[in-house]
Amino acid sequence: MNWRLFLPRFLLVCLWLACLAYPLSFLVKPHLLTKPTSTASPTASPSARALGTVETGTLETVVVTRVVDGDTIKISRNGSIATIRLIGINAPESVAPNRPVECYGKESSASLRGLLEGQPVQLENDLSQQDVDRYGRLLRYVYLLDGTFVNDKMIRDGDALEYTYDRPYRYQSPFKAAQAAAKTEQKGLWKACSETLPAFGETSVK
């Protein structure tokens, strides 16, 4: 065998096979290999998805201008101020002109104020509920921009009670579960208002 003729041909065949086996991705610019990330707004916060929701409402980003009490806030919306009543929760009374401050009312208001006042938030409506209540307040779920589900957190931390007004709402089951956990762990009003809580739950819904 003439090795001087065979060896160059053998090397060429090896090189050709290596080219076929080697991925051609180096010929493509790296950014073209990456799946584009959607810039569209999410349909629900991560916390809401964790609660098992499927159907979602419309999200709207606003700024909280004032916290009225533990379940009501004021927001800046389209150049005007609107009142938001958080769906599915009821906090002790703290600002009604003709009613005394209820047990844990100030603490509940302070908790919501610490979370929301001056903060940008996302509001979500619930298609199973009215858009506006009898007092002209918009009924909404509220999320911080980091995904914190404020309605759920207020119940889970014992700063408010679960509240079903007229008919079941989207997060009723997880809210009831959050309340059961807060009661078991004696969080917030469950510890501070153990003697007056039954009356509060029955009479102070607003």
N, C-alpha and C. Protein backbone atom coordinates (compact mmCIF):
# COMPACT_ATOMS: atom_id res chain seq x y z
N MET A 1 0.84 -1.20 0.00
CA MET A 1 0.00 0.00 0.00
C MET A 1 0.88 1.25 0.00
N ASN A 2 0.46 2.21 -0.81
CA ASN A 2 1.23 3.45 -0.89
C ASN A 2 0.69 4.40 0.18
N TRP A 3 1.35 4.45 1.35
CA TRP A 3 0.90 5.27 2.48
C TRP A 3 0.92 6.76 2.17
N ARG A 4 1.81 7.16 1.29
CA ARG A 4 1.87 8.59 0.95
C ARG A 4 0.60 9.04 0.26
N LEU A 5 -0.05 8.18 -0.50
CA LEU A 5 -1.31 8.53 -1.16
C LEU A 5 -2.51 8.29 -0.26
N PHE A 6 -2.44 7.22 0.59
CA PHE A 6 -3.58 6.86 1.42
C PHE A 6 -3.81 7.82 2.58
N LEU A 7 -2.72 8.22 3.24
CA LEU A 7 -2.86 9.02 4.46
C LEU A 7 -3.58 10.34 4.23
N PRO A 8 -3.24 11.15 3.19
CA PRO A 8 -3.98 12.41 2.98
C PRO A 8 -5.47 12.16 2.72
N ARG A 9 -5.79 11.12 1.95
CA ARG A 9 -7.19 10.84 1.67
C ARG A 9 -7.94 10.44 2.95
N PHE A 10 -7.24 9.63 3.78
CA PHE A 10 -7.85 9.21 5.05
C PHE A 10 -8.14 10.40 5.95
N LEU A 11 -7.22 11.33 6.01
CA LEU A 11 -7.40 12.51 6.85
C LEU A 11 -8.55 13.37 6.34
N LEU A 12 -8.69 13.48 5.01
CA LEU A 12 -9.78 14.26 4.43
C LEU A 12 -11.14 13.64 4.77
N VAL A 13 -11.22 12.30 4.72
CA VAL A 13 -12.48 11.61 5.05
C VAL A 13 -12.83 11.85 6.51
N CYS A 14 -11.83 11.76 7.40
CA CYS A 14 -12.08 12.00 8.84
C CYS A 14 -12.57 13.41 9.09
N LEU A 15 -11.97 14.37 8.42
CA LEU A 15 -12.37 15.76 8.57
C LEU A 15 -13.80 15.98 8.10
N TRP A 16 -14.15 15.34 6.98
CA TRP A 16 -15.51 15.46 6.42
C TRP A 16 -16.54 14.87 7.39
N LEU A 17 -16.25 13.71 7.98
CA LEU A 17 -17.15 13.07 8.94
C LEU A 17 -17.30 13.93 10.20
N ALA A 18 -16.21 14.53 10.63
CA ALA A 18 -16.28 15.38 11.82
C ALA A 18 -17.15 16.59 11.58
N CYS A 19 -17.09 17.15 10.40
CA CYS A 19 -17.93 18.32 10.07
C CYS A 19 -19.40 17.95 10.07
N LEU A 20 -19.73 16.74 9.61
CA LEU A 20 -21.12 16.31 9.61
C LEU A 20 -21.64 16.10 11.01
N ALA A 21 -20.77 15.59 11.89
CA ALA A 21 -21.21 15.28 13.25
C ALA A 21 -21.25 16.50 14.15
N TYR A 22 -20.49 17.50 13.89
CA TYR A 22 -20.40 18.69 14.76
C TYR A 22 -21.63 19.58 14.58
N PRO A 23 -22.27 20.03 15.66
CA PRO A 23 -23.47 20.89 15.54
C PRO A 23 -23.15 22.16 14.79
N LEU A 24 -24.12 22.62 14.04
CA LEU A 24 -23.94 23.84 13.26
C LEU A 24 -24.42 25.07 14.01
N SER A 25 -24.65 24.91 15.33
CA SER A 25 -25.20 26.03 16.08
C SER A 25 -24.23 27.20 16.16
N PHE A 26 -22.90 26.91 15.96
CA PHE A 26 -21.95 28.02 16.03
C PHE A 26 -22.12 28.97 14.86
N LEU A 27 -22.85 28.53 13.83
CA LEU A 27 -23.07 29.41 12.70
C LEU A 27 -24.22 30.37 12.92
N VAL A 28 -25.02 30.12 14.00
CA VAL A 28 -26.18 30.95 14.28
C VAL A 28 -25.87 31.87 15.44
N LYS A 29 -26.32 33.10 15.37
CA LYS A 29 -26.07 34.03 16.45
C LYS A 29 -26.79 33.57 17.71
N PRO A 30 -26.15 33.66 18.89
CA PRO A 30 -26.72 33.12 20.13
C PRO A 30 -28.11 33.62 20.41
N HIS A 31 -28.41 34.91 20.18
CA HIS A 31 -29.72 35.45 20.54
C HIS A 31 -30.83 34.87 19.69
N LEU A 32 -30.45 34.27 18.52
CA LEU A 32 -31.46 33.65 17.68
C LEU A 32 -31.83 32.26 18.16
N LEU A 33 -30.99 31.68 19.04
CA LEU A 33 -31.27 30.36 19.57
C LEU A 33 -32.12 30.43 20.83
N THR A 34 -32.32 31.59 21.40
CA THR A 34 -33.06 31.76 22.64
C THR A 34 -34.51 32.07 22.34
N LYS A 35 -35.41 31.36 23.04
CA LYS A 35 -36.84 31.61 22.84
C LYS A 35 -37.18 32.99 23.37
N PRO A 36 -37.83 33.82 22.57
CA PRO A 36 -38.15 35.18 23.02
C PRO A 36 -39.02 35.15 24.26
N THR A 37 -38.77 36.08 25.15
CA THR A 37 -39.58 36.23 26.35
C THR A 37 -40.71 37.18 26.07
N SER A 38 -41.93 36.76 26.41
CA SER A 38 -43.09 37.61 26.15
C SER A 38 -43.05 38.84 27.02
N THR A 39 -43.41 39.98 26.45
CA THR A 39 -43.47 41.23 27.21
C THR A 39 -44.90 41.56 27.60
N ALA A 40 -45.84 40.67 27.31
CA ALA A 40 -47.24 40.93 27.63
C ALA A 40 -47.45 40.82 29.13
N SER A 41 -48.42 41.56 29.66
CA SER A 41 -48.74 41.52 31.07
C SER A 41 -49.32 40.16 31.42
N PRO A 42 -48.98 39.62 32.61
CA PRO A 42 -49.54 38.33 33.01
C PRO A 42 -51.02 38.46 33.27
N THR A 43 -51.74 37.35 33.14
CA THR A 43 -53.18 37.38 33.38
C THR A 43 -53.50 37.27 34.85
N ALA A 44 -52.55 36.82 35.64
CA ALA A 44 -52.77 36.75 37.08
C ALA A 44 -51.42 36.68 37.77
N SER A 45 -51.37 37.12 39.01
CA SER A 45 -50.10 37.10 39.72
C SER A 45 -49.69 35.67 40.02
N PRO A 46 -48.36 35.44 40.26
CA PRO A 46 -47.92 34.09 40.64
C PRO A 46 -48.64 33.58 41.87
N SER A 47 -48.91 34.45 42.84
CA SER A 47 -49.60 34.01 44.05
C SER A 47 -50.99 33.53 43.73
N ALA A 48 -51.66 34.20 42.80
CA ALA A 48 -53.01 33.78 42.44
C ALA A 48 -52.97 32.42 41.77
N ARG A 49 -51.98 32.18 40.90
CA ARG A 49 -51.88 30.89 40.25
C ARG A 49 -51.61 29.80 41.29
N ALA A 50 -50.83 30.14 42.31
CA ALA A 50 -50.54 29.17 43.36
C ALA A 50 -51.80 28.76 44.09
N LEU A 51 -52.81 29.62 44.08
CA LEU A 51 -54.06 29.30 44.74
C LEU A 51 -54.97 28.45 43.85
N GLY A 52 -54.55 28.18 42.62
CA GLY A 52 -55.28 27.27 41.77
C GLY A 52 -56.27 27.92 40.83
N THR A 53 -56.14 29.21 40.59
CA THR A 53 -57.10 29.87 39.71
C THR A 53 -56.87 29.50 38.26
N VAL A 54 -57.93 29.44 37.50
CA VAL A 54 -57.85 29.21 36.06
C VAL A 54 -58.38 30.43 35.33
N GLU A 55 -59.63 30.76 35.60
CA GLU A 55 -60.24 31.93 34.99
C GLU A 55 -59.74 33.19 35.70
N THR A 56 -59.38 34.21 34.95
CA THR A 56 -58.87 35.43 35.57
C THR A 56 -59.60 36.64 35.01
N GLY A 57 -59.55 37.72 35.76
CA GLY A 57 -60.14 38.96 35.31
C GLY A 57 -59.10 39.81 34.61
N THR A 58 -59.38 41.10 34.53
CA THR A 58 -58.49 42.04 33.86
C THR A 58 -57.61 42.73 34.88
N LEU A 59 -56.31 42.82 34.58
CA LEU A 59 -55.38 43.49 35.47
C LEU A 59 -55.22 44.96 35.08
N GLU A 60 -55.13 45.81 36.09
CA GLU A 60 -54.96 47.24 35.87
C GLU A 60 -53.94 47.75 36.89
N THR A 61 -52.93 48.45 36.43
CA THR A 61 -51.90 48.97 37.33
C THR A 61 -52.25 50.40 37.73
N VAL A 62 -52.25 50.64 39.06
CA VAL A 62 -52.61 51.94 39.61
C VAL A 62 -51.68 52.24 40.79
N VAL A 63 -51.85 53.41 41.38
CA VAL A 63 -51.07 53.78 42.57
C VAL A 63 -52.04 54.00 43.74
N VAL A 64 -51.71 53.42 44.88
CA VAL A 64 -52.54 53.59 46.08
C VAL A 64 -52.21 54.94 46.70
N THR A 65 -53.21 55.79 46.82
CA THR A 65 -52.99 57.12 47.40
C THR A 65 -53.27 57.15 48.90
N ARG A 66 -54.18 56.26 49.35
CA ARG A 66 -54.49 56.26 50.79
C ARG A 66 -55.15 54.94 51.17
N VAL A 67 -54.84 54.48 52.37
CA VAL A 67 -55.52 53.31 52.93
C VAL A 67 -56.57 53.83 53.90
N VAL A 68 -57.83 53.50 53.64
CA VAL A 68 -58.93 53.98 54.48
C VAL A 68 -59.01 53.15 55.75
N ASP A 69 -59.05 51.84 55.59
CA ASP A 69 -59.04 50.92 56.73
C ASP A 69 -58.52 49.58 56.25
N GLY A 70 -58.80 48.51 56.98
CA GLY A 70 -58.20 47.22 56.66
C GLY A 70 -58.73 46.51 55.44
N ASP A 71 -59.78 47.05 54.80
CA ASP A 71 -60.28 46.41 53.58
C ASP A 71 -60.66 47.40 52.48
N THR A 72 -60.32 48.66 52.66
CA THR A 72 -60.70 49.69 51.68
C THR A 72 -59.53 50.64 51.43
N ILE A 73 -59.31 50.97 50.15
CA ILE A 73 -58.21 51.87 49.79
C ILE A 73 -58.68 52.89 48.77
N LYS A 74 -57.91 53.95 48.61
CA LYS A 74 -58.11 54.93 47.55
C LYS A 74 -56.96 54.80 46.56
N ILE A 75 -57.31 54.90 45.28
CA ILE A 75 -56.28 54.78 44.24
C ILE A 75 -56.43 55.91 43.23
N SER A 76 -55.31 56.20 42.57
CA SER A 76 -55.31 57.17 41.48
C SER A 76 -55.55 56.40 40.19
N ARG A 77 -56.63 56.79 39.48
CA ARG A 77 -57.05 56.03 38.30
C ARG A 77 -57.52 56.99 37.22
N ASN A 78 -56.82 57.00 36.10
CA ASN A 78 -57.20 57.85 34.96
C ASN A 78 -57.34 59.32 35.37
N GLY A 79 -56.44 59.77 36.22
CA GLY A 79 -56.44 61.17 36.63
C GLY A 79 -57.43 61.51 37.72
N SER A 80 -58.13 60.51 38.25
CA SER A 80 -59.08 60.77 39.33
C SER A 80 -58.88 59.75 40.45
N ILE A 81 -59.52 59.99 41.59
CA ILE A 81 -59.39 59.11 42.73
C ILE A 81 -60.61 58.19 42.79
N ALA A 82 -60.37 56.90 42.96
CA ALA A 82 -61.44 55.91 43.09
C ALA A 82 -61.24 55.13 44.37
N THR A 83 -62.34 54.60 44.90
CA THR A 83 -62.30 53.80 46.12
C THR A 83 -62.39 52.32 45.76
N ILE A 84 -61.52 51.52 46.36
CA ILE A 84 -61.47 50.09 46.11
C ILE A 84 -61.83 49.33 47.39
N ARG A 85 -62.77 48.42 47.27
CA ARG A 85 -63.12 47.51 48.38
C ARG A 85 -62.54 46.15 48.02
N LEU A 86 -61.65 45.62 48.86
CA LEU A 86 -61.01 44.35 48.58
C LEU A 86 -62.02 43.21 48.67
N ILE A 87 -62.07 42.40 47.62
CA ILE A 87 -63.02 41.29 47.56
C ILE A 87 -62.62 40.19 48.54
N GLY A 88 -63.62 39.63 49.20
CA GLY A 88 -63.41 38.41 49.98
C GLY A 88 -62.86 38.60 51.37
N ILE A 89 -62.72 39.85 51.83
CA ILE A 89 -62.21 40.07 53.18
C ILE A 89 -63.07 41.10 53.90
N ASN A 90 -63.03 41.05 55.22
CA ASN A 90 -63.72 42.03 56.06
C ASN A 90 -62.84 42.32 57.26
N ALA A 91 -62.50 43.59 57.43
CA ALA A 91 -61.63 43.99 58.53
C ALA A 91 -62.43 44.69 59.62
N PRO A 92 -61.96 44.68 60.85
CA PRO A 92 -62.64 45.38 61.93
C PRO A 92 -62.80 46.87 61.61
N GLU A 93 -63.89 47.44 62.04
CA GLU A 93 -64.18 48.86 61.80
C GLU A 93 -63.19 49.74 62.55
N SER A 94 -62.75 50.81 61.88
CA SER A 94 -61.82 51.73 62.55
C SER A 94 -62.07 53.18 62.20
N VAL A 95 -62.90 53.47 61.18
CA VAL A 95 -63.07 54.87 60.76
C VAL A 95 -64.53 55.30 60.60
N ALA A 96 -65.49 54.41 60.82
CA ALA A 96 -66.90 54.79 60.64
C ALA A 96 -67.27 55.88 61.64
N PRO A 97 -67.85 56.99 61.18
CA PRO A 97 -68.13 58.12 62.07
C PRO A 97 -69.11 57.81 63.19
N ASN A 98 -70.04 56.91 62.98
CA ASN A 98 -71.07 56.64 63.98
C ASN A 98 -70.91 55.30 64.67
N ARG A 99 -69.72 54.73 64.56
CA ARG A 99 -69.48 53.43 65.17
C ARG A 99 -68.15 53.44 65.90
N PRO A 100 -68.07 52.72 67.02
CA PRO A 100 -66.81 52.68 67.76
C PRO A 100 -65.74 51.90 67.00
N VAL A 101 -64.50 52.16 67.32
CA VAL A 101 -63.40 51.39 66.75
C VAL A 101 -63.47 49.98 67.32
N GLU A 102 -63.49 49.00 66.43
CA GLU A 102 -63.60 47.62 66.87
C GLU A 102 -62.24 47.03 67.20
N CYS A 103 -62.29 45.91 67.91
CA CYS A 103 -61.07 45.22 68.30
C CYS A 103 -60.21 44.92 67.07
N TYR A 104 -58.97 45.31 67.12
CA TYR A 104 -57.96 45.10 66.08
C TYR A 104 -58.19 45.95 64.84
N GLY A 105 -59.10 46.93 64.94
CA GLY A 105 -59.36 47.79 63.79
C GLY A 105 -58.15 48.63 63.39
N LYS A 106 -57.50 49.24 64.39
CA LYS A 106 -56.33 50.07 64.09
C LYS A 106 -55.17 49.23 63.58
N GLU A 107 -54.98 48.06 64.18
CA GLU A 107 -53.89 47.19 63.75
C GLU A 107 -54.09 46.69 62.33
N SER A 108 -55.33 46.36 62.00
CA SER A 108 -55.64 45.91 60.64
C SER A 108 -55.36 47.01 59.63
N SER A 109 -55.81 48.22 59.94
CA SER A 109 -55.56 49.36 59.05
C SER A 109 -54.07 49.61 58.88
N ALA A 110 -53.33 49.51 59.99
CA ALA A 110 -51.88 49.75 59.94
C ALA A 110 -51.18 48.70 59.08
N SER A 111 -51.65 47.46 59.15
CA SER A 111 -51.04 46.40 58.33
C SER A 111 -51.23 46.68 56.84
N LEU A 112 -52.46 47.04 56.46
CA LEU A 112 -52.72 47.32 55.05
C LEU A 112 -51.99 48.58 54.60
N ARG A 113 -51.92 49.57 55.48
CA ARG A 113 -51.21 50.81 55.14
C ARG A 113 -49.73 50.52 54.89
N GLY A 114 -49.15 49.69 55.73
CA GLY A 114 -47.74 49.35 55.55
C GLY A 114 -47.47 48.61 54.25
N LEU A 115 -48.45 47.85 53.78
CA LEU A 115 -48.30 47.12 52.53
C LEU A 115 -48.50 48.00 51.30
N LEU A 116 -49.50 48.90 51.36
CA LEU A 116 -50.00 49.50 50.13
C LEU A 116 -49.82 51.01 49.96
N GLU A 117 -49.84 51.76 51.02
CA GLU A 117 -49.92 53.21 50.84
C GLU A 117 -48.74 53.76 50.05
N GLY A 118 -49.06 54.48 48.97
CA GLY A 118 -48.05 55.06 48.11
C GLY A 118 -47.44 54.09 47.12
N GLN A 119 -47.92 52.85 47.10
CA GLN A 119 -47.32 51.81 46.26
C GLN A 119 -48.08 51.62 44.94
N PRO A 120 -47.36 51.30 43.87
CA PRO A 120 -48.05 50.86 42.64
C PRO A 120 -48.54 49.43 42.87
N VAL A 121 -49.74 49.15 42.44
CA VAL A 121 -50.32 47.82 42.61
C VAL A 121 -51.06 47.43 41.34
N GLN A 122 -51.43 46.17 41.28
CA GLN A 122 -52.30 45.70 40.21
C GLN A 122 -53.65 45.32 40.80
N LEU A 123 -54.70 45.76 40.13
CA LEU A 123 -56.06 45.43 40.53
C LEU A 123 -56.62 44.39 39.56
N GLU A 124 -57.39 43.46 40.10
CA GLU A 124 -58.03 42.45 39.26
C GLU A 124 -59.50 42.36 39.63
N ASN A 125 -60.34 42.41 38.64
CA ASN A 125 -61.77 42.25 38.90
C ASN A 125 -62.13 40.78 38.97
N ASP A 126 -63.36 40.49 39.38
CA ASP A 126 -63.84 39.12 39.46
C ASP A 126 -65.15 39.07 38.68
N LEU A 127 -65.16 38.29 37.62
CA LEU A 127 -66.32 38.24 36.76
C LEU A 127 -67.54 37.62 37.44
N SER A 128 -67.32 36.97 38.59
CA SER A 128 -68.44 36.38 39.32
C SER A 128 -69.10 37.38 40.26
N GLN A 129 -68.50 38.57 40.40
CA GLN A 129 -68.99 39.58 41.33
C GLN A 129 -69.41 40.85 40.58
N GLN A 130 -70.13 41.71 41.29
CA GLN A 130 -70.44 43.02 40.72
C GLN A 130 -69.15 43.81 40.57
N ASP A 131 -69.14 44.73 39.62
CA ASP A 131 -67.97 45.58 39.43
C ASP A 131 -67.89 46.66 40.51
N VAL A 132 -69.06 47.14 40.93
CA VAL A 132 -69.15 48.22 41.92
C VAL A 132 -70.17 47.82 42.98
N ASP A 133 -69.88 48.10 44.27
CA ASP A 133 -70.85 47.77 45.31
C ASP A 133 -71.85 48.90 45.52
N ARG A 134 -72.75 48.75 46.47
CA ARG A 134 -73.82 49.72 46.68
C ARG A 134 -73.33 51.08 47.17
N TYR A 135 -72.06 51.12 47.61
CA TYR A 135 -71.48 52.39 48.06
C TYR A 135 -70.64 53.05 46.97
N GLY A 136 -70.64 52.48 45.79
CA GLY A 136 -69.89 53.05 44.68
C GLY A 136 -68.41 52.67 44.68
N ARG A 137 -68.04 51.68 45.47
CA ARG A 137 -66.64 51.25 45.52
C ARG A 137 -66.39 50.14 44.51
N LEU A 138 -65.27 50.21 43.82
CA LEU A 138 -64.88 49.15 42.90
C LEU A 138 -64.48 47.92 43.70
N LEU A 139 -64.95 46.76 43.30
CA LEU A 139 -64.62 45.51 43.97
C LEU A 139 -63.46 44.85 43.24
N ARG A 140 -62.34 44.66 43.96
CA ARG A 140 -61.14 44.20 43.29
C ARG A 140 -60.28 43.31 44.21
N TYR A 141 -59.46 42.47 43.55
CA TYR A 141 -58.34 41.82 44.21
C TYR A 141 -57.14 42.75 44.00
N VAL A 142 -56.24 42.76 44.96
CA VAL A 142 -55.09 43.67 44.90
C VAL A 142 -53.80 42.87 45.01
N TYR A 143 -52.85 43.17 44.12
CA TYR A 143 -51.55 42.52 44.11
C TYR A 143 -50.43 43.55 44.17
N LEU A 144 -49.42 43.29 44.97
CA LEU A 144 -48.19 44.07 44.86
C LEU A 144 -47.48 43.65 43.57
N LEU A 145 -46.56 44.48 43.12
CA LEU A 145 -45.87 44.17 41.87
C LEU A 145 -44.94 42.97 41.99
N ASP A 146 -44.62 42.56 43.23
CA ASP A 146 -43.81 41.35 43.41
C ASP A 146 -44.66 40.09 43.42
N GLY A 147 -45.99 40.26 43.19
CA GLY A 147 -46.87 39.10 43.13
C GLY A 147 -47.64 38.81 44.40
N THR A 148 -47.32 39.51 45.48
CA THR A 148 -48.02 39.28 46.75
C THR A 148 -49.52 39.53 46.58
N PHE A 149 -50.32 38.55 46.95
CA PHE A 149 -51.77 38.63 46.85
C PHE A 149 -52.28 39.23 48.16
N VAL A 150 -52.61 40.52 48.13
CA VAL A 150 -52.88 41.27 49.35
C VAL A 150 -54.13 40.77 50.07
N ASN A 151 -55.20 40.50 49.34
CA ASN A 151 -56.43 40.01 49.97
C ASN A 151 -56.13 38.75 50.78
N ASP A 152 -55.44 37.82 50.15
CA ASP A 152 -55.09 36.56 50.81
C ASP A 152 -54.18 36.80 52.01
N LYS A 153 -53.21 37.68 51.87
CA LYS A 153 -52.25 37.94 52.94
C LYS A 153 -52.95 38.53 54.17
N MET A 154 -53.91 39.42 53.96
CA MET A 154 -54.60 40.02 55.10
C MET A 154 -55.34 38.96 55.92
N ILE A 155 -55.94 37.99 55.24
CA ILE A 155 -56.62 36.90 55.95
C ILE A 155 -55.60 35.97 56.59
N ARG A 156 -54.59 35.62 55.83
CA ARG A 156 -53.59 34.64 56.29
C ARG A 156 -52.83 35.16 57.50
N ASP A 157 -52.63 36.47 57.59
CA ASP A 157 -51.90 37.05 58.72
C ASP A 157 -52.81 37.39 59.90
N GLY A 158 -54.10 37.12 59.77
CA GLY A 158 -55.03 37.42 60.86
C GLY A 158 -55.38 38.89 60.96
N ASP A 159 -55.22 39.63 59.87
CA ASP A 159 -55.55 41.06 59.87
C ASP A 159 -56.98 41.33 59.37
N ALA A 160 -57.63 40.30 58.85
CA ALA A 160 -59.00 40.43 58.35
C ALA A 160 -59.64 39.05 58.33
N LEU A 161 -60.96 39.04 58.23
CA LEU A 161 -61.71 37.80 58.11
C LEU A 161 -62.10 37.55 56.66
N GLU A 162 -62.25 36.27 56.32
CA GLU A 162 -62.85 35.93 55.03
C GLU A 162 -64.30 36.40 55.05
N TYR A 163 -64.76 36.91 53.87
CA TYR A 163 -66.10 37.47 53.82
C TYR A 163 -66.74 37.20 52.46
N THR A 164 -67.84 36.46 52.48
CA THR A 164 -68.63 36.23 51.27
C THR A 164 -69.87 37.10 51.35
N TYR A 165 -70.01 38.04 50.45
CA TYR A 165 -71.11 39.00 50.54
C TYR A 165 -72.43 38.43 50.01
N ASP A 166 -72.45 38.06 48.76
CA ASP A 166 -73.72 37.67 48.14
C ASP A 166 -73.63 36.28 47.51
N ARG A 167 -72.58 36.03 46.78
CA ARG A 167 -72.40 34.73 46.14
C ARG A 167 -70.90 34.40 46.13
N PRO A 168 -70.58 33.12 45.98
CA PRO A 168 -69.17 32.71 46.00
C PRO A 168 -68.31 33.48 45.00
N TYR A 169 -67.13 33.82 45.40
CA TYR A 169 -66.18 34.52 44.54
C TYR A 169 -65.06 33.56 44.18
N ARG A 170 -64.19 33.97 43.27
CA ARG A 170 -63.21 33.07 42.68
C ARG A 170 -62.29 32.41 43.70
N TYR A 171 -61.84 33.16 44.69
CA TYR A 171 -60.86 32.62 45.64
C TYR A 171 -61.47 32.25 46.98
N GLN A 172 -62.76 31.98 47.00
CA GLN A 172 -63.42 31.71 48.27
C GLN A 172 -62.79 30.53 49.02
N SER A 173 -62.57 29.43 48.34
CA SER A 173 -62.03 28.24 49.00
C SER A 173 -60.64 28.47 49.59
N PRO A 174 -59.68 29.01 48.83
CA PRO A 174 -58.36 29.27 49.43
C PRO A 174 -58.41 30.33 50.53
N PHE A 175 -59.30 31.32 50.42
CA PHE A 175 -59.42 32.32 51.48
C PHE A 175 -59.93 31.68 52.77
N LYS A 176 -60.89 30.78 52.65
CA LYS A 176 -61.40 30.09 53.83
C LYS A 176 -60.31 29.22 54.45
N ALA A 177 -59.50 28.60 53.61
CA ALA A 177 -58.40 27.79 54.11
C ALA A 177 -57.37 28.66 54.82
N ALA A 178 -57.11 29.84 54.27
CA ALA A 178 -56.16 30.77 54.90
C ALA A 178 -56.69 31.22 56.25
N GLN A 179 -57.99 31.45 56.34
CA GLN A 179 -58.58 31.86 57.62
C GLN A 179 -58.49 30.74 58.65
N ALA A 180 -58.74 29.52 58.23
CA ALA A 180 -58.64 28.39 59.15
C ALA A 180 -57.23 28.26 59.71
N ALA A 181 -56.24 28.49 58.84
CA ALA A 181 -54.84 28.41 59.29
C ALA A 181 -54.53 29.54 60.27
N ALA A 182 -55.00 30.75 59.97
CA ALA A 182 -54.75 31.89 60.86
C ALA A 182 -55.39 31.66 62.22
N LYS A 183 -56.60 31.08 62.22
CA LYS A 183 -57.29 30.79 63.48
C LYS A 183 -56.55 29.75 64.29
N THR A 184 -56.10 28.69 63.62
CA THR A 184 -55.36 27.63 64.30
C THR A 184 -54.07 28.17 64.92
N GLU A 185 -53.40 29.05 64.19
CA GLU A 185 -52.13 29.61 64.65
C GLU A 185 -52.31 30.83 65.54
N GLN A 186 -53.58 31.22 65.76
CA GLN A 186 -53.90 32.36 66.63
C GLN A 186 -53.15 33.62 66.19
N LYS A 187 -53.26 33.93 64.93
CA LYS A 187 -52.60 35.11 64.39
C LYS A 187 -53.50 36.34 64.50
N GLY A 188 -52.90 37.48 64.71
CA GLY A 188 -53.60 38.76 64.63
C GLY A 188 -54.85 38.82 65.48
N LEU A 189 -55.98 39.13 64.83
CA LEU A 189 -57.23 39.33 65.55
C LEU A 189 -57.74 38.04 66.19
N TRP A 190 -57.30 36.89 65.72
CA TRP A 190 -57.74 35.64 66.32
C TRP A 190 -57.22 35.48 67.74
N LYS A 191 -56.11 36.10 68.03
CA LYS A 191 -55.57 36.08 69.39
C LYS A 191 -56.03 37.29 70.17
N ALA A 192 -56.01 38.46 69.53
CA ALA A 192 -56.33 39.71 70.24
C ALA A 192 -57.81 39.85 70.55
N CYS A 193 -58.65 39.26 69.73
CA CYS A 193 -60.10 39.49 69.85
C CYS A 193 -60.87 38.21 70.10
N SER A 194 -60.28 37.29 70.82
CA SER A 194 -60.92 35.98 71.00
C SER A 194 -62.29 36.09 71.66
N GLU A 195 -62.50 37.09 72.53
CA GLU A 195 -63.78 37.21 73.23
C GLU A 195 -64.83 37.93 72.40
N THR A 196 -64.42 38.84 71.54
CA THR A 196 -65.38 39.64 70.77
C THR A 196 -65.50 39.22 69.32
N LEU A 197 -64.66 38.30 68.88
CA LEU A 197 -64.63 37.93 67.46
C LEU A 197 -65.96 37.40 66.93
N PRO A 198 -66.70 36.56 67.64
CA PRO A 198 -67.98 36.09 67.08
C PRO A 198 -68.93 37.24 66.75
N ALA A 199 -69.02 38.21 67.64
CA ALA A 199 -69.88 39.35 67.39
C ALA A 199 -69.39 40.17 66.20
N PHE A 200 -68.08 40.31 66.12
CA PHE A 200 -67.51 41.06 64.99
C PHE A 200 -67.86 40.39 63.68
N GLY A 201 -67.70 39.07 63.64
CA GLY A 201 -67.99 38.34 62.42
C GLY A 201 -69.43 38.43 61.98
N GLU A 202 -70.35 38.62 62.93
CA GLU A 202 -71.76 38.66 62.59
C GLU A 202 -72.29 40.06 62.31
N THR A 203 -71.75 41.08 62.99
CA THR A 203 -72.40 42.38 62.95
C THR A 203 -71.67 43.47 62.21
N SER A 204 -70.39 43.30 61.96
CA SER A 204 -69.64 44.44 61.45
C SER A 204 -69.34 44.37 59.96
N VAL A 205 -69.95 43.41 59.28
CA VAL A 205 -69.74 43.33 57.83
C VAL A 205 -70.25 44.60 57.18
N LYS A 206 -69.44 45.16 56.28
CA LYS A 206 -69.80 46.45 55.69
C LYS A 206 -69.45 46.45 54.22
